[in-house]
Amino acid sequence: MDYNGYLGTFSKSIRIFIAAFVVVLSIGYFTGLLFVTETSTASTQGIEENYLGNEEDEEAAIMKFKKSEREMLTIIHTHILSMSFIFFLLGILVWLCKLPKNLKLFLTVEPFISVVLTFGGIYMLWSGVIWFKFIIIFSGILMTATYSISAFVVLLQLCSPNSKEQLLNQ
């Protein structure tokens, strides 16, 4: 069965419900990004200091210590699980949008790769592979870009409904 463009055929009530979900999900996602900025982990040095500490820097405004293995496993575990659900649910909605199949495939699979690279990269950085901070930054940017595009496309298509007849005539 082809679901391309099916999102716009839902009743107004269901479209409002889905739009409310995507808006609240986006508020949560972007609040998380604000937290990343607040903890100075939006730069390669900030990422390194956040997980490895900065005890050697006597002029540091805020003293940070290397995270314990328990803290690292908790961070990685909770983020991978929660972000998998976020991207799975958003991905279902993307597959119901009217978009080229290859674009849908990219927007729905890439975030899972970025989640593994970002949080696996954080663990690798913590383990001593310092150059992984560049992978973390790149995959985090790509993950945020795909989230933003996906959420925007879903909201846009929820606001411009199609009739089922239009969908069948295409």
Protein backbone atom coordinates (compact mmCIF):
# COMPACT_ATOMS: atom_id res chain seq x y z
CA MET A 1 0.00 0.00 0.00
CA ASP A 2 1.25 3.48 -0.87
CA TYR A 3 1.02 6.00 1.98
CA ASN A 4 2.52 8.93 0.04
CA GLY A 5 0.45 12.03 0.84
CA TYR A 6 -1.89 10.17 3.17
CA LEU A 7 -1.24 12.57 6.08
CA GLY A 8 -3.20 15.34 4.37
CA THR A 9 -6.29 13.15 4.05
CA PHE A 10 -6.85 12.80 7.79
CA SER A 11 -9.77 14.60 9.37
CA LYS A 12 -9.17 18.08 10.74
CA SER A 13 -9.36 16.79 14.33
CA ILE A 14 -6.66 14.17 13.76
CA ARG A 15 -4.46 16.70 11.93
CA ILE A 16 -4.78 19.11 14.89
CA PHE A 17 -3.90 16.28 17.29
CA ILE A 18 -0.80 15.32 15.25
CA ALA A 19 0.24 18.98 14.88
CA ALA A 20 -0.03 19.48 18.65
CA PHE A 21 2.16 16.41 19.16
CA VAL A 22 4.82 17.64 16.69
CA VAL A 23 4.84 21.14 18.22
CA VAL A 24 5.25 19.82 21.78
CA LEU A 25 7.85 17.27 20.62
CA SER A 26 9.76 20.11 18.93
CA ILE A 27 9.63 22.24 22.08
CA GLY A 28 11.18 19.33 23.97
CA TYR A 29 13.80 18.69 21.29
CA PHE A 30 14.88 22.32 21.01
CA THR A 31 14.87 22.77 24.80
CA GLY A 32 17.40 19.93 24.86
CA LEU A 33 19.52 21.88 22.38
CA LEU A 34 19.32 24.93 24.64
CA PHE A 35 20.63 22.75 27.45
CA VAL A 36 23.54 21.67 25.24
CA THR A 37 24.34 25.33 24.57
CA GLU A 38 24.01 26.17 28.28
CA THR A 39 26.48 23.45 29.27
CA SER A 40 29.04 24.72 26.70
CA THR A 41 28.86 21.47 24.77
CA ALA A 42 28.07 23.22 21.50
CA SER A 43 31.81 23.44 20.70
CA THR A 44 34.49 20.78 20.42
CA GLN A 45 36.31 22.10 23.50
CA GLY A 46 33.04 22.30 25.42
CA ILE A 47 32.18 18.71 24.54
CA GLU A 48 35.60 17.56 25.66
CA GLU A 49 35.38 19.47 28.96
CA ASN A 50 31.83 18.32 29.67
CA TYR A 51 32.75 14.63 29.58
CA LEU A 52 36.49 14.64 30.42
CA GLY A 53 36.56 17.55 32.87
CA ASN A 54 38.74 20.65 32.98
CA GLU A 55 40.55 20.25 36.31
CA GLU A 56 43.88 21.26 34.73
CA ASP A 57 42.54 24.66 33.61
CA GLU A 58 43.10 26.93 36.60
CA GLU A 59 41.28 29.82 34.87
CA ALA A 60 38.10 27.86 34.11
CA ALA A 61 34.96 29.75 35.14
CA ILE A 62 33.24 26.50 36.11
CA MET A 63 35.21 23.51 37.34
CA LYS A 64 34.14 20.27 35.64
CA PHE A 65 35.24 16.75 36.46
CA LYS A 66 35.44 13.68 34.27
CA LYS A 67 32.12 11.84 34.27
CA SER A 68 32.03 8.43 35.92
CA GLU A 69 31.26 5.30 33.92
CA ARG A 70 27.85 5.12 35.60
CA GLU A 71 27.03 8.71 34.57
CA MET A 72 28.17 8.01 31.00
CA LEU A 73 26.11 4.85 30.69
CA THR A 74 23.04 6.64 32.08
CA ILE A 75 23.43 9.56 29.64
CA ILE A 76 23.99 7.31 26.64
CA HIS A 77 21.27 4.81 27.56
CA THR A 78 18.55 7.40 28.16
CA HIS A 79 19.40 9.49 25.12
CA ILE A 80 19.60 6.58 22.68
CA LEU A 81 16.29 5.14 23.89
CA SER A 82 14.37 8.42 23.99
CA MET A 83 15.74 9.72 20.70
CA SER A 84 14.96 6.42 19.00
CA PHE A 85 11.31 6.86 19.98
CA ILE A 86 11.32 10.50 18.89
CA PHE A 87 12.69 9.68 15.45
CA PHE A 88 10.53 6.57 15.06
CA LEU A 89 7.31 8.49 15.73
CA LEU A 90 8.33 11.45 13.59
CA GLY A 91 9.46 9.03 10.88
CA ILE A 92 6.02 7.42 10.71
CA LEU A 93 4.56 10.87 10.07
CA VAL A 94 7.19 11.63 7.41
CA TRP A 95 6.28 8.41 5.57
CA LEU A 96 2.67 9.65 5.44
CA CYS A 97 3.75 12.94 3.80
CA LYS A 98 3.79 13.59 0.07
CA LEU A 99 7.55 13.51 -0.64
CA PRO A 100 9.91 11.57 -2.92
CA LYS A 101 10.66 8.12 -1.52
CA ASN A 102 14.45 8.66 -1.38
CA LEU A 103 14.02 11.89 0.60
CA LYS A 104 11.72 10.10 3.04
CA LEU A 105 14.25 7.31 3.38
CA PHE A 106 17.02 9.80 4.18
CA LEU A 107 14.91 11.82 6.64
CA THR A 108 13.80 8.69 8.50
CA VAL A 109 16.99 6.57 8.57
CA GLU A 110 19.71 9.20 8.94
CA PRO A 111 18.66 10.31 12.45
CA PHE A 112 19.18 6.77 13.77
CA ILE A 113 22.70 6.75 12.33
CA SER A 114 23.35 10.18 13.87
CA VAL A 115 22.03 9.04 17.27
CA VAL A 116 24.48 6.13 17.29
CA LEU A 117 27.36 8.31 16.04
CA THR A 118 26.61 11.16 18.46
CA PHE A 119 26.18 9.11 21.63
CA GLY A 120 28.59 6.37 20.62
CA GLY A 121 31.01 9.20 19.84
CA ILE A 122 30.49 10.67 23.29
CA TYR A 123 31.40 7.30 24.81
CA MET A 124 34.45 7.01 22.53
CA LEU A 125 35.55 10.54 23.54
CA TRP A 126 35.11 9.66 27.20
CA SER A 127 37.17 6.49 26.56
CA GLY A 128 40.06 8.60 25.29
CA VAL A 129 39.53 8.82 21.52
CA ILE A 130 39.60 12.62 21.50
CA TRP A 131 39.07 13.15 17.75
CA PHE A 132 35.54 11.74 18.08
CA LYS A 133 34.48 15.24 19.25
CA PHE A 134 34.37 16.21 15.56
CA ILE A 135 32.09 13.25 14.74
CA ILE A 136 29.84 14.28 17.66
CA ILE A 137 29.50 17.84 16.35
CA PHE A 138 28.87 16.77 12.73
CA SER A 139 26.35 14.04 13.58
CA GLY A 140 24.58 16.30 16.07
CA ILE A 141 24.18 19.04 13.46
CA LEU A 142 22.93 16.53 10.88
CA MET A 143 20.50 14.99 13.38
CA THR A 144 19.09 18.42 14.23
CA ALA A 145 18.80 19.37 10.56
CA THR A 146 16.88 16.20 9.70
CA TYR A 147 14.64 16.65 12.74
CA SER A 148 13.90 20.26 11.79
CA ILE A 149 13.17 19.47 8.15
CA SER A 150 10.98 16.49 9.08
CA ALA A 151 8.96 18.40 11.66
CA PHE A 152 8.54 21.35 9.29
CA VAL A 153 7.38 19.15 6.40
CA VAL A 154 4.90 17.31 8.65
CA LEU A 155 3.45 20.55 10.03
CA LEU A 156 3.29 22.09 6.56
CA GLN A 157 1.40 19.11 5.15
CA LEU A 158 -0.94 19.03 8.13
CA CYS A 159 -1.87 22.63 7.37
CA SER A 160 -2.61 21.98 3.70
CA PRO A 161 -4.94 18.99 3.53
CA ASN A 162 -5.74 16.98 0.36
CA SER A 163 -8.98 15.30 -0.35
CA LYS A 164 -8.90 11.54 -0.84
CA GLU A 165 -10.09 12.07 -4.41
CA GLN A 166 -7.08 14.29 -5.19
CA LEU A 167 -4.78 11.63 -3.74
CA LEU A 168 -6.37 8.85 -5.82
CA ASN A 169 -6.19 10.89 -9.05
CA GLN A 170 -2.41 11.34 -8.80
